[in-house]
Amino acid sequence: MRLSRSATVAVLLGASSAAPGGGNTPGRELPSCRFAQDWSQKEILARPNDFIWDMLYWEGKFHRNNVAYNEVNGMSYDGTQIDWVTGEATKKHTFSAASKEASQPAPRNRSRRTIR
């Protein structure tokens, strides 16, 4: 899923102003790896910050070296299978597709030098 720039900003601003959920609040259990099934649309609208924290908790476990990508060569893995109860990675597809790699942002040259 690719978020628009405004959607990304909205998520980050909402998350930064939220009271931490997802295991950071004393007495609150860590969200299940299948947490989305525990939320109704009405609950998400009533408590969006709690939902965002649950989502970011699991997204943070996915977007890391040797799960979503290889930090040595920058390659994205085609997929990582997970244990549906614990959310732990079990097996990854150690291949990728050119179309997937083409969508990765390329490093930018920030020097802004003009060639004359």
PDB file of N, CA and C in Angstrom:
ATOM      1  N   MET A   1       0.846  -1.167   0.000  1.00  0.00           N
ATOM      2  CA  MET A   1       0.000   0.000   0.000  1.00  0.00           C
ATOM      3  C   MET A   1       0.894   1.233   0.000  1.00  0.00           C
ATOM      4  N   ARG A   2       0.544   2.183  -0.808  1.00  0.00           N
ATOM      5  CA  ARG A   2       1.315   3.422  -0.883  1.00  0.00           C
ATOM      6  C   ARG A   2       0.406   4.564  -0.466  1.00  0.00           C
ATOM      7  N   LEU A   3       0.814   5.307   0.548  1.00  0.00           N
ATOM      8  CA  LEU A   3       0.028   6.442   1.024  1.00  0.00           C
ATOM      9  C   LEU A   3       0.434   7.708   0.286  1.00  0.00           C
ATOM     10  N   SER A   4      -0.540   8.570   0.060  1.00  0.00           N
ATOM     11  CA  SER A   4      -0.221   9.869  -0.522  1.00  0.00           C
ATOM     12  C   SER A   4       0.571  10.673   0.505  1.00  0.00           C
ATOM     13  N   ARG A   5       1.199  11.720   0.057  1.00  0.00           N
ATOM     14  CA  ARG A   5       1.991  12.553   0.969  1.00  0.00           C
ATOM     15  C   ARG A   5       1.120  13.127   2.089  1.00  0.00           C
ATOM     16  N   SER A   6      -0.082  13.600   1.736  1.00  0.00           N
ATOM     17  CA  SER A   6      -0.958  14.183   2.759  1.00  0.00           C
ATOM     18  C   SER A   6      -1.450  13.127   3.741  1.00  0.00           C
ATOM     19  N   ALA A   7      -1.706  11.906   3.254  1.00  0.00           N
ATOM     20  CA  ALA A   7      -2.137  10.837   4.159  1.00  0.00           C
ATOM     21  C   ALA A   7      -1.011  10.450   5.106  1.00  0.00           C
ATOM     22  N   THR A   8       0.215  10.396   4.596  1.00  0.00           N
ATOM     23  CA  THR A   8       1.362  10.072   5.440  1.00  0.00           C
ATOM     24  C   THR A   8       1.546  11.123   6.526  1.00  0.00           C
ATOM     25  N   VAL A   9       1.456  12.380   6.153  1.00  0.00           N
ATOM     26  CA  VAL A   9       1.584  13.463   7.133  1.00  0.00           C
ATOM     27  C   VAL A   9       0.481  13.356   8.176  1.00  0.00           C
ATOM     28  N   ALA A  10      -0.742  13.076   7.750  1.00  0.00           N
ATOM     29  CA  ALA A  10      -1.863  12.956   8.687  1.00  0.00           C
ATOM     30  C   ALA A  10      -1.634  11.821   9.673  1.00  0.00           C
ATOM     31  N   VAL A  11      -1.147  10.683   9.177  1.00  0.00           N
ATOM     32  CA  VAL A  11      -0.875   9.544  10.062  1.00  0.00           C
ATOM     33  C   VAL A  11       0.214   9.903  11.055  1.00  0.00           C
ATOM     34  N   LEU A  12       1.301  10.498  10.573  1.00  0.00           N
ATOM     35  CA  LEU A  12       2.409  10.832  11.466  1.00  0.00           C
ATOM     36  C   LEU A  12       2.025  11.899  12.482  1.00  0.00           C
ATOM     37  N   LEU A  13       1.275  12.896  12.068  1.00  0.00           N
ATOM     38  CA  LEU A  13       0.838  13.925  13.011  1.00  0.00           C
ATOM     39  C   LEU A  13      -0.112  13.343  14.040  1.00  0.00           C
ATOM     40  N   GLY A  14      -1.009  12.490  13.597  1.00  0.00           N
ATOM     41  CA  GLY A  14      -1.929  11.842  14.531  1.00  0.00           C
ATOM     42  C   GLY A  14      -1.189  10.959  15.512  1.00  0.00           C
ATOM     43  N   ALA A  15      -0.201  10.221  15.010  1.00  0.00           N
ATOM     44  CA  ALA A  15       0.561   9.333  15.878  1.00  0.00           C
ATOM     45  C   ALA A  15       1.413  10.110  16.865  1.00  0.00           C
ATOM     46  N   SER A  16       1.960  11.237  16.424  1.00  0.00           N
ATOM     47  CA  SER A  16       2.835  11.992  17.317  1.00  0.00           C
ATOM     48  C   SER A  16       2.063  12.673  18.435  1.00  0.00           C
ATOM     49  N   SER A  17       0.777  12.938  18.213  1.00  0.00           N
ATOM     50  CA  SER A  17      -0.006  13.592  19.257  1.00  0.00           C
ATOM     51  C   SER A  17      -0.797  12.599  20.092  1.00  0.00           C
ATOM     52  N   ALA A  18      -0.692  11.323  19.731  1.00  0.00           N
ATOM     53  CA  ALA A  18      -1.476  10.298  20.433  1.00  0.00           C
ATOM     54  C   ALA A  18      -0.832   9.926  21.755  1.00  0.00           C
ATOM     55  N   ALA A  19      -1.667   9.525  22.675  1.00  0.00           N
ATOM     56  CA  ALA A  19      -1.144   8.885  23.872  1.00  0.00           C
ATOM     57  C   ALA A  19      -0.713   7.502  23.426  1.00  0.00           C
ATOM     58  N   PRO A  20       0.525   7.117  23.651  1.00  0.00           N
ATOM     59  CA  PRO A  20       0.994   5.842  23.124  1.00  0.00           C
ATOM     60  C   PRO A  20       0.106   4.687  23.547  1.00  0.00           C
ATOM     61  N   GLY A  21      -0.220   3.841  22.584  1.00  0.00           N
ATOM     62  CA  GLY A  21      -0.984   2.620  22.844  1.00  0.00           C
ATOM     63  C   GLY A  21      -0.034   1.465  22.660  1.00  0.00           C
ATOM     64  N   GLY A  22      -0.454   0.481  21.879  1.00  0.00           N
ATOM     65  CA  GLY A  22       0.400  -0.623  21.448  1.00  0.00           C
ATOM     66  C   GLY A  22       1.494  -1.051  22.388  1.00  0.00           C
ATOM     67  N   GLY A  23       1.217  -1.205  23.664  1.00  0.00           N
ATOM     68  CA  GLY A  23       2.215  -1.712  24.576  1.00  0.00           C
ATOM     69  C   GLY A  23       2.991  -0.637  25.299  1.00  0.00           C
ATOM     70  N   ASN A  24       2.842   0.618  24.929  1.00  0.00           N
ATOM     71  CA  ASN A  24       3.573   1.687  25.596  1.00  0.00           C
ATOM     72  C   ASN A  24       2.806   2.266  26.771  1.00  0.00           C
ATOM     73  N   THR A  25       1.526   1.971  26.857  1.00  0.00           N
ATOM     74  CA  THR A  25       0.714   2.469  27.955  1.00  0.00           C
ATOM     75  C   THR A  25       0.675   1.411  29.048  1.00  0.00           C
ATOM     76  N   PRO A  26       1.025   1.763  30.293  1.00  0.00           N
ATOM     77  CA  PRO A  26       0.985   0.776  31.371  1.00  0.00           C
ATOM     78  C   PRO A  26      -0.393   0.130  31.463  1.00  0.00           C
ATOM     79  N   GLY A  27      -0.398  -1.192  31.599  1.00  0.00           N
ATOM     80  CA  GLY A  27      -1.649  -1.921  31.739  1.00  0.00           C
ATOM     81  C   GLY A  27      -2.292  -2.308  30.422  1.00  0.00           C
ATOM     82  N   ARG A  28      -1.766  -1.809  29.321  1.00  0.00           N
ATOM     83  CA  ARG A  28      -2.344  -2.159  28.022  1.00  0.00           C
ATOM     84  C   ARG A  28      -1.560  -3.311  27.416  1.00  0.00           C
ATOM     85  N   GLU A  29      -2.292  -4.305  26.911  1.00  0.00           N
ATOM     86  CA  GLU A  29      -1.650  -5.459  26.294  1.00  0.00           C
ATOM     87  C   GLU A  29      -1.102  -5.090  24.920  1.00  0.00           C
ATOM     88  N   LEU A  30      -0.057  -5.808  24.499  1.00  0.00           N
ATOM     89  CA  LEU A  30       0.455  -5.621  23.145  1.00  0.00           C
ATOM     90  C   LEU A  30      -0.619  -6.062  22.164  1.00  0.00           C
ATOM     91  N   PRO A  31      -0.735  -5.380  21.032  1.00  0.00           N
ATOM     92  CA  PRO A  31      -1.753  -5.781  20.063  1.00  0.00           C
ATOM     93  C   PRO A  31      -1.391  -7.109  19.405  1.00  0.00           C
ATOM     94  N   SER A  32      -2.396  -7.910  19.132  1.00  0.00           N
ATOM     95  CA  SER A  32      -2.215  -9.154  18.389  1.00  0.00           C
ATOM     96  C   SER A  32      -1.714  -8.813  16.994  1.00  0.00           C
ATOM     97  N   CYS A  33      -0.988  -9.730  16.374  1.00  0.00           N
ATOM     98  CA  CYS A  33      -0.528  -9.468  15.004  1.00  0.00           C
ATOM     99  C   CYS A  33      -1.706  -9.396  14.038  1.00  0.00           C
ATOM    100  N   ARG A  34      -2.863  -9.852  14.448  1.00  0.00           N
ATOM    101  CA  ARG A  34      -4.079  -9.755  13.642  1.00  0.00           C
ATOM    102  C   ARG A  34      -5.035  -8.753  14.290  1.00  0.00           C
ATOM    103  N   PHE A  35      -4.458  -7.653  14.778  1.00  0.00           N
ATOM    104  CA  PHE A  35      -5.197  -6.658  15.551  1.00  0.00           C
ATOM    105  C   PHE A  35      -6.364  -6.029  14.807  1.00  0.00           C
ATOM    106  N   ALA A  36      -6.265  -5.903  13.498  1.00  0.00           N
ATOM    107  CA  ALA A  36      -7.309  -5.205  12.736  1.00  0.00           C
ATOM    108  C   ALA A  36      -8.669  -5.869  12.893  1.00  0.00           C
ATOM    109  N   GLN A  37      -8.679  -7.178  13.107  1.00  0.00           N
ATOM    110  CA  GLN A  37      -9.946  -7.887  13.300  1.00  0.00           C
ATOM    111  C   GLN A  37     -10.614  -7.503  14.613  1.00  0.00           C
ATOM    112  N   ASP A  38      -9.854  -6.936  15.530  1.00  0.00           N
ATOM    113  CA  ASP A  38     -10.398  -6.538  16.835  1.00  0.00           C
ATOM    114  C   ASP A  38     -11.034  -5.155  16.803  1.00  0.00           C
ATOM    115  N   TRP A  39     -10.950  -4.475  15.676  1.00  0.00           N
ATOM    116  CA  TRP A  39     -11.449  -3.108  15.561  1.00  0.00           C
ATOM    117  C   TRP A  39     -12.632  -3.040  14.605  1.00  0.00           C
ATOM    118  N   SER A  40     -13.667  -2.337  14.996  1.00  0.00           N
ATOM    119  CA  SER A  40     -14.766  -2.033  14.076  1.00  0.00           C
ATOM    120  C   SER A  40     -14.497  -0.649  13.485  1.00  0.00           C
ATOM    121  N   GLN A  41     -15.179  -0.331  12.410  1.00  0.00           N
ATOM    122  CA  GLN A  41     -15.011   0.995  11.816  1.00  0.00           C
ATOM    123  C   GLN A  41     -15.402   2.076  12.826  1.00  0.00           C
ATOM    124  N   LYS A  42     -16.436   1.815  13.593  1.00  0.00           N
ATOM    125  CA  LYS A  42     -16.895   2.780  14.597  1.00  0.00           C
ATOM    126  C   LYS A  42     -15.812   3.021  15.658  1.00  0.00           C
ATOM    127  N   GLU A  43     -15.148   1.945  16.093  1.00  0.00           N
ATOM    128  CA  GLU A  43     -14.084   2.083  17.098  1.00  0.00           C
ATOM    129  C   GLU A  43     -12.876   2.842  16.539  1.00  0.00           C
ATOM    130  N   ILE A  44     -12.537   2.577  15.281  1.00  0.00           N
ATOM    131  CA  ILE A  44     -11.407   3.288  14.658  1.00  0.00           C
ATOM    132  C   ILE A  44     -11.698   4.779  14.591  1.00  0.00           C
ATOM    133  N   LEU A  45     -12.929   5.122  14.228  1.00  0.00           N
ATOM    134  CA  LEU A  45     -13.296   6.541  14.140  1.00  0.00           C
ATOM    135  C   LEU A  45     -13.336   7.197  15.517  1.00  0.00           C
ATOM    136  N   ALA A  46     -13.711   6.428  16.541  1.00  0.00           N
ATOM    137  CA  ALA A  46     -13.788   6.975  17.898  1.00  0.00           C
ATOM    138  C   ALA A  46     -12.409   7.086  18.553  1.00  0.00           C
ATOM    139  N   ARG A  47     -11.504   6.158  18.221  1.00  0.00           N
ATOM    140  CA  ARG A  47     -10.179   6.129  18.858  1.00  0.00           C
ATOM    141  C   ARG A  47      -9.083   5.925  17.809  1.00  0.00           C
ATOM    142  N   PRO A  48      -8.958   6.843  16.865  1.00  0.00           N
ATOM    143  CA  PRO A  48      -7.989   6.635  15.779  1.00  0.00           C
ATOM    144  C   PRO A  48      -6.544   6.540  16.262  1.00  0.00           C
ATOM    145  N   ASN A  49      -6.183   7.261  17.302  1.00  0.00           N
ATOM    146  CA  ASN A  49      -4.795   7.237  17.776  1.00  0.00           C
ATOM    147  C   ASN A  49      -4.407   5.863  18.308  1.00  0.00           C
ATOM    148  N   ASP A  50      -5.329   5.200  19.007  1.00  0.00           N
ATOM    149  CA  ASP A  50      -5.031   3.852  19.503  1.00  0.00           C
ATOM    150  C   ASP A  50      -4.844   2.879  18.341  1.00  0.00           C
ATOM    151  N   PHE A  51      -5.690   3.015  17.318  1.00  0.00           N
ATOM    152  CA  PHE A  51      -5.559   2.146  16.142  1.00  0.00           C
ATOM    153  C   PHE A  51      -4.231   2.406  15.433  1.00  0.00           C
ATOM    154  N   ILE A  52      -3.868   3.671  15.294  1.00  0.00           N
ATOM    155  CA  ILE A  52      -2.605   4.028  14.631  1.00  0.00           C
ATOM    156  C   ILE A  52      -1.425   3.430  15.384  1.00  0.00           C
ATOM    157  N   TRP A  53      -1.437   3.486  16.701  1.00  0.00           N
ATOM    158  CA  TRP A  53      -0.332   2.922  17.467  1.00  0.00           C
ATOM    159  C   TRP A  53      -0.246   1.414  17.305  1.00  0.00           C
ATOM    160  N   ASP A  54      -1.402   0.733  17.263  1.00  0.00           N
ATOM    161  CA  ASP A  54      -1.379  -0.714  17.022  1.00  0.00           C
ATOM    162  C   ASP A  54      -0.771  -1.003  15.650  1.00  0.00           C
ATOM    163  N   MET A  55      -1.175  -0.230  14.639  1.00  0.00           N
ATOM    164  CA  MET A  55      -0.666  -0.417  13.287  1.00  0.00           C
ATOM    165  C   MET A  55       0.842  -0.155  13.232  1.00  0.00           C
ATOM    166  N   LEU A  56       1.286   0.940  13.850  1.00  0.00           N
ATOM    167  CA  LEU A  56       2.711   1.275  13.814  1.00  0.00           C
ATOM    168  C   LEU A  56       3.556   0.260  14.582  1.00  0.00           C
ATOM    169  N   TYR A  57       3.000  -0.332  15.630  1.00  0.00           N
ATOM    170  CA  TYR A  57       3.718  -1.365  16.386  1.00  0.00           C
ATOM    171  C   TYR A  57       4.096  -2.515  15.449  1.00  0.00           C
ATOM    172  N   TRP A  58       3.122  -3.010  14.685  1.00  0.00           N
ATOM    173  CA  TRP A  58       3.394  -4.145  13.800  1.00  0.00           C
ATOM    174  C   TRP A  58       4.135  -3.728  12.537  1.00  0.00           C
ATOM    175  N   GLU A  59       3.885  -2.547  12.024  1.00  0.00           N
ATOM    176  CA  GLU A  59       4.621  -2.069  10.846  1.00  0.00           C
ATOM    177  C   GLU A  59       6.108  -1.968  11.181  1.00  0.00           C
ATOM    178  N   GLY A  60       6.412  -1.528  12.399  1.00  0.00           N
ATOM    179  CA  GLY A  60       7.804  -1.432  12.832  1.00  0.00           C
ATOM    180  C   GLY A  60       8.490  -2.779  12.905  1.00  0.00           C
ATOM    181  N   LYS A  61       7.735  -3.827  13.194  1.00  0.00           N
ATOM    182  CA  LYS A  61       8.315  -5.168  13.227  1.00  0.00           C
ATOM    183  C   LYS A  61       8.561  -5.707  11.822  1.00  0.00           C
ATOM    184  N   PHE A  62       7.784  -5.214  10.850  1.00  0.00           N
ATOM    185  CA  PHE A  62       7.956  -5.660   9.470  1.00  0.00           C
ATOM    186  C   PHE A  62       9.070  -4.900   8.763  1.00  0.00           C
ATOM    187  N   HIS A  63       9.071  -3.590   8.870  1.00  0.00           N
ATOM    188  CA  HIS A  63      10.009  -2.766   8.098  1.00  0.00           C
ATOM    189  C   HIS A  63      11.365  -2.723   8.791  1.00  0.00           C
ATOM    190  N   ARG A  64      12.103  -3.818   8.639  1.00  0.00           N
ATOM    191  CA  ARG A  64      13.436  -3.916   9.235  1.00  0.00           C
ATOM    192  C   ARG A  64      14.276  -4.886   8.409  1.00  0.00           C
ATOM    193  N   ASN A  65      15.564  -4.824   8.637  1.00  0.00           N
ATOM    194  CA  ASN A  65      16.498  -5.679   7.928  1.00  0.00           C
ATOM    195  C   ASN A  65      16.159  -7.153   8.140  1.00  0.00           C
ATOM    196  N   ASN A  66      16.294  -7.911   7.083  1.00  0.00           N
ATOM    197  CA  ASN A  66      16.115  -9.354   7.075  1.00  0.00           C
ATOM    198  C   ASN A  66      14.658  -9.790   7.230  1.00  0.00           C
ATOM    199  N   VAL A  67      13.745  -8.842   7.181  1.00  0.00           N
ATOM    200  CA  VAL A  67      12.322  -9.177   7.151  1.00  0.00           C
ATOM    201  C   VAL A  67      11.721  -8.604   5.873  1.00  0.00           C
ATOM    202  N   ALA A  68      11.768  -7.281   5.715  1.00  0.00           N
ATOM    203  CA  ALA A  68      11.210  -6.640   4.522  1.00  0.00           C
ATOM    204  C   ALA A  68      12.271  -6.379   3.456  1.00  0.00           C
ATOM    205  N   TYR A  69      13.512  -6.264   3.874  1.00  0.00           N
ATOM    206  CA  TYR A  69      14.572  -5.908   2.924  1.00  0.00           C
ATOM    207  C   TYR A  69      15.920  -6.393   3.430  1.00  0.00           C
ATOM    208  N   ASN A  70      16.909  -6.331   2.548  1.00  0.00           N
ATOM    209  CA  ASN A  70      18.280  -6.686   2.875  1.00  0.00           C
ATOM    210  C   ASN A  70      19.073  -5.394   2.934  1.00  0.00           C
ATOM    211  N   GLU A  71      19.552  -5.009   4.124  1.00  0.00           N
ATOM    212  CA  GLU A  71      20.232  -3.711   4.239  1.00  0.00           C
ATOM    213  C   GLU A  71      21.599  -3.695   3.569  1.00  0.00           C
ATOM    214  N   VAL A  72      22.179  -4.851   3.296  1.00  0.00           N
ATOM    215  CA  VAL A  72      23.484  -4.888   2.645  1.00  0.00           C
ATOM    216  C   VAL A  72      23.371  -4.490   1.177  1.00  0.00           C
ATOM    217  N   ASN A  73      22.373  -5.053   0.476  1.00  0.00           N
ATOM    218  CA  ASN A  73      22.259  -4.756  -0.953  1.00  0.00           C
ATOM    219  C   ASN A  73      21.031  -3.914  -1.303  1.00  0.00           C
ATOM    220  N   GLY A  74      20.193  -3.608  -0.319  1.00  0.00           N
ATOM    221  CA  GLY A  74      19.035  -2.752  -0.545  1.00  0.00           C
ATOM    222  C   GLY A  74      17.852  -3.425  -1.202  1.00  0.00           C
ATOM    223  N   MET A  75      17.941  -4.736  -1.428  1.00  0.00           N
ATOM    224  CA  MET A  75      16.862  -5.443  -2.111  1.00  0.00           C
ATOM    225  C   MET A  75      15.656  -5.662  -1.193  1.00  0.00           C
ATOM    226  N   SER A  76      14.466  -5.471  -1.735  1.00  0.00           N
ATOM    227  CA  SER A  76      13.231  -5.790  -1.017  1.00  0.00           C
ATOM    228  C   SER A  76      12.951  -7.272  -1.199  1.00  0.00           C
ATOM    229  N   TYR A  77      12.507  -7.932  -0.159  1.00  0.00           N
ATOM    230  CA  TYR A  77      12.096  -9.321  -0.306  1.00  0.00           C
ATOM    231  C   TYR A  77      10.687  -9.361  -0.879  1.00  0.00           C
ATOM    232  N   ASP A  78      10.398 -10.394  -1.654  1.00  0.00           N
ATOM    233  CA  ASP A  78       9.089 -10.519  -2.286  1.00  0.00           C
ATOM    234  C   ASP A  78       7.992 -10.710  -1.243  1.00  0.00           C
ATOM    235  N   GLY A  79       8.330 -11.276  -0.131  1.00  0.00           N
ATOM    236  CA  GLY A  79       7.349 -11.469   0.928  1.00  0.00           C
ATOM    237  C   GLY A  79       7.979 -12.205   2.091  1.00  0.00           C
ATOM    238  N   THR A  80       7.392 -12.062   3.240  1.00  0.00           N
ATOM    239  CA  THR A  80       7.823 -12.789   4.421  1.00  0.00           C
ATOM    240  C   THR A  80       6.594 -13.428   5.029  1.00  0.00           C
ATOM    241  N   GLN A  81       6.645 -14.729   5.210  1.00  0.00           N
ATOM    242  CA  GLN A  81       5.527 -15.417   5.845  1.00  0.00           C
ATOM    243  C   GLN A  81       5.622 -15.199   7.345  1.00  0.00           C
ATOM    244  N   ILE A  82       4.469 -15.129   7.997  1.00  0.00           N
ATOM    245  CA  ILE A  82       4.464 -14.931   9.441  1.00  0.00           C
ATOM    246  C   ILE A  82       3.624 -15.997  10.123  1.00  0.00           C
ATOM    247  N   ASP A  83       3.932 -16.230  11.373  1.00  0.00           N
ATOM    248  CA  ASP A  83       3.097 -17.072  12.217  1.00  0.00           C
ATOM    249  C   ASP A  83       1.861 -16.246  12.549  1.00  0.00           C
ATOM    250  N   TRP A  84       0.686 -16.724  12.219  1.00  0.00           N
ATOM    251  CA  TRP A  84      -0.541 -15.941  12.364  1.00  0.00           C
ATOM    252  C   TRP A  84      -0.947 -15.733  13.812  1.00  0.00           C
ATOM    253  N   VAL A  85      -0.339 -16.441  14.733  1.00  0.00           N
ATOM    254  CA  VAL A  85      -0.659 -16.261  16.149  1.00  0.00           C
ATOM    255  C   VAL A  85       0.308 -15.287  16.804  1.00  0.00           C
ATOM    256  N   THR A  86       1.615 -15.483  16.555  1.00  0.00           N
ATOM    257  CA  THR A  86       2.623 -14.656  17.226  1.00  0.00           C
ATOM    258  C   THR A  86       3.063 -13.445  16.409  1.00  0.00           C
ATOM    259  N   GLY A  87       2.888 -13.501  15.098  1.00  0.00           N
ATOM    260  CA  GLY A  87       3.350 -12.416  14.236  1.00  0.00           C
ATOM    261  C   GLY A  87       4.828 -12.496  13.908  1.00  0.00           C
ATOM    262  N   GLU A  88       5.512 -13.526  14.374  1.00  0.00           N
ATOM    263  CA  GLU A  88       6.941 -13.677  14.106  1.00  0.00           C
ATOM    264  C   GLU A  88       7.168 -14.145  12.672  1.00  0.00           C
ATOM    265  N   ALA A  89       8.240 -13.663  12.065  1.00  0.00           N
ATOM    266  CA  ALA A  89       8.598 -14.079  10.710  1.00  0.00           C
ATOM    267  C   ALA A  89       9.008 -15.546  10.734  1.00  0.00           C
ATOM    268  N   THR A  90       8.519 -16.320   9.761  1.00  0.00           N
ATOM    269  CA  THR A  90       8.868 -17.737   9.707  1.00  0.00           C
ATOM    270  C   THR A  90       9.721 -18.082   8.493  1.00  0.00           C
ATOM    271  N   LYS A  91       9.400 -17.525   7.350  1.00  0.00           N
ATOM    272  CA  LYS A  91      10.127 -17.838   6.120  1.00  0.00           C
ATOM    273  C   LYS A  91       9.992 -16.653   5.176  1.00  0.00           C
ATOM    274  N   LYS A  92      11.071 -16.324   4.499  1.00  0.00           N
ATOM    275  CA  LYS A  92      10.979 -15.200   3.558  1.00  0.00           C
ATOM    276  C   LYS A  92      11.244 -15.685   2.145  1.00  0.00           C
ATOM    277  N   HIS A  93      10.697 -14.952   1.209  1.00  0.00           N
ATOM    278  CA  HIS A  93      10.982 -15.196  -0.201  1.00  0.00           C
ATOM    279  C   HIS A  93      12.214 -14.358  -0.520  1.00  0.00           C
ATOM    280  N   THR A  94      13.347 -14.998  -0.669  1.00  0.00           N
ATOM    281  CA  THR A  94      14.607 -14.264  -0.841  1.00  0.00           C
ATOM    282  C   THR A  94      14.857 -13.886  -2.299  1.00  0.00           C
ATOM    283  N   PHE A  95      13.805 -13.481  -2.959  1.00  0.00           N
ATOM    284  CA  PHE A  95      13.915 -13.006  -4.330  1.00  0.00           C
ATOM    285  C   PHE A  95      13.042 -11.770  -4.443  1.00  0.00           C
ATOM    286  N   SER A  96      13.172 -11.087  -5.531  1.00  0.00           N
ATOM    287  CA  SER A  96      12.360  -9.902  -5.755  1.00  0.00           C
ATOM    288  C   SER A  96      12.049  -9.811  -7.239  1.00  0.00           C
ATOM    289  N   ALA A  97      11.354  -8.770  -7.614  1.00  0.00           N
ATOM    290  CA  ALA A  97      11.022  -8.541  -9.016  1.00  0.00           C
ATOM    291  C   ALA A  97      11.498  -7.146  -9.401  1.00  0.00           C
ATOM    292  N   ALA A  98      11.900  -6.992 -10.646  1.00  0.00           N
ATOM    293  CA  ALA A  98      12.384  -5.688 -11.108  1.00  0.00           C
ATOM    294  C   ALA A  98      11.332  -4.611 -10.902  1.00  0.00           C
ATOM    295  N   SER A  99      10.062  -4.971 -11.095  1.00  0.00           N
ATOM    296  CA  SER A  99       8.994  -3.980 -10.925  1.00  0.00           C
ATOM    297  C   SER A  99       8.915  -3.493  -9.484  1.00  0.00           C
ATOM    298  N   LYS A 100       9.173  -4.373  -8.538  1.00  0.00           N
ATOM    299  CA  LYS A 100       9.141  -3.980  -7.126  1.00  0.00           C
ATOM    300  C   LYS A 100      10.333  -3.088  -6.791  1.00  0.00           C
ATOM    301  N   GLU A 101      11.490  -3.437  -7.287  1.00  0.00           N
ATOM    302  CA  GLU A 101      12.681  -2.650  -7.004  1.00  0.00           C
ATOM    303  C   GLU A 101      12.600  -1.284  -7.667  1.00  0.00           C
ATOM    304  N   ALA A 102      11.941  -1.202  -8.810  1.00  0.00           N
ATOM    305  CA  ALA A 102      11.804   0.075  -9.511  1.00  0.00           C
ATOM    306  C   ALA A 102      10.972   1.067  -8.711  1.00  0.00           C
ATOM    307  N   SER A 103      10.121   0.571  -7.826  1.00  0.00           N
ATOM    308  CA  SER A 103       9.267   1.470  -7.037  1.00  0.00           C
ATOM    309  C   SER A 103       9.957   1.991  -5.782  1.00  0.00           C
ATOM    310  N   GLN A 104      11.157   1.481  -5.489  1.00  0.00           N
ATOM    311  CA  GLN A 104      11.880   1.942  -4.310  1.00  0.00           C
ATOM    312  C   GLN A 104      12.457   3.323  -4.580  1.00  0.00           C
ATOM    313  N   PRO A 105      12.403   4.212  -3.601  1.00  0.00           N
ATOM    314  CA  PRO A 105      12.972   5.547  -3.820  1.00  0.00           C
ATOM    315  C   PRO A 105      14.486   5.473  -3.978  1.00  0.00           C
ATOM    316  N   ALA A 106      14.983   6.184  -4.944  1.00  0.00           N
ATOM    317  CA  ALA A 106      16.425   6.226  -5.180  1.00  0.00           C
ATOM    318  C   ALA A 106      17.030   7.342  -4.344  1.00  0.00           C
ATOM    319  N   PRO A 107      18.257   7.156  -3.872  1.00  0.00           N
ATOM    320  CA  PRO A 107      18.917   8.238  -3.125  1.00  0.00           C
ATOM    321  C   PRO A 107      19.050   9.470  -4.005  1.00  0.00           C
ATOM    322  N   ARG A 108      18.857  10.620  -3.409  1.00  0.00           N
ATOM    323  CA  ARG A 108      18.956  11.872  -4.163  1.00  0.00           C
ATOM    324  C   ARG A 108      20.296  12.531  -3.913  1.00  0.00           C
ATOM    325  N   ASN A 109      20.795  13.162  -4.950  1.00  0.00           N
ATOM    326  CA  ASN A 109      22.013  13.949  -4.820  1.00  0.00           C
ATOM    327  C   ASN A 109      21.596  15.309  -4.263  1.00  0.00           C
ATOM    328  N   ARG A 110      21.967  15.585  -3.054  1.00  0.00           N
ATOM    329  CA  ARG A 110      21.539  16.816  -2.395  1.00  0.00           C
ATOM    330  C   ARG A 110      22.517  17.974  -2.598  1.00  0.00           C
ATOM    331  N   SER A 111      23.555  17.756  -3.399  1.00  0.00           N
ATOM    332  CA  SER A 111      24.555  18.815  -3.558  1.00  0.00           C
ATOM    333  C   SER A 111      24.041  19.983  -4.396  1.00  0.00           C
ATOM    334  N   ARG A 112      23.072  19.747  -5.258  1.00  0.00           N
ATOM    335  CA  ARG A 112      22.473  20.795  -6.091  1.00  0.00           C
ATOM    336  C   ARG A 112      23.504  21.539  -6.942  1.00  0.00           C
ATOM    337  N   ARG A 113      24.549  20.845  -7.326  1.00  0.00           N
ATOM    338  CA  ARG A 113      25.563  21.472  -8.175  1.00  0.00           C
ATOM    339  C   ARG A 113      25.033  21.636  -9.592  1.00  0.00           C
ATOM    340  N   THR A 114      25.382  22.727 -10.193  1.00  0.00           N
ATOM    341  CA  THR A 114      25.005  22.968 -11.584  1.00  0.00           C
ATOM    342  C   THR A 114      26.187  22.614 -12.461  1.00  0.00           C
ATOM    343  N   ILE A 115      25.924  21.795 -13.460  1.00  0.00           N
ATOM    344  CA  ILE A 115      26.991  21.413 -14.391  1.00  0.00           C
ATOM    345  C   ILE A 115      27.037  22.452 -15.497  1.00  0.00           C
ATOM    346  N   ARG A 116      28.233  23.003 -15.735  1.00  0.00           N
ATOM    347  CA  ARG A 116      28.386  24.043 -16.769  1.00  0.00           C
ATOM    348  C   ARG A 116      29.370  23.612 -17.791  1.00  0.00           C
TER     349      ARG A 116
END
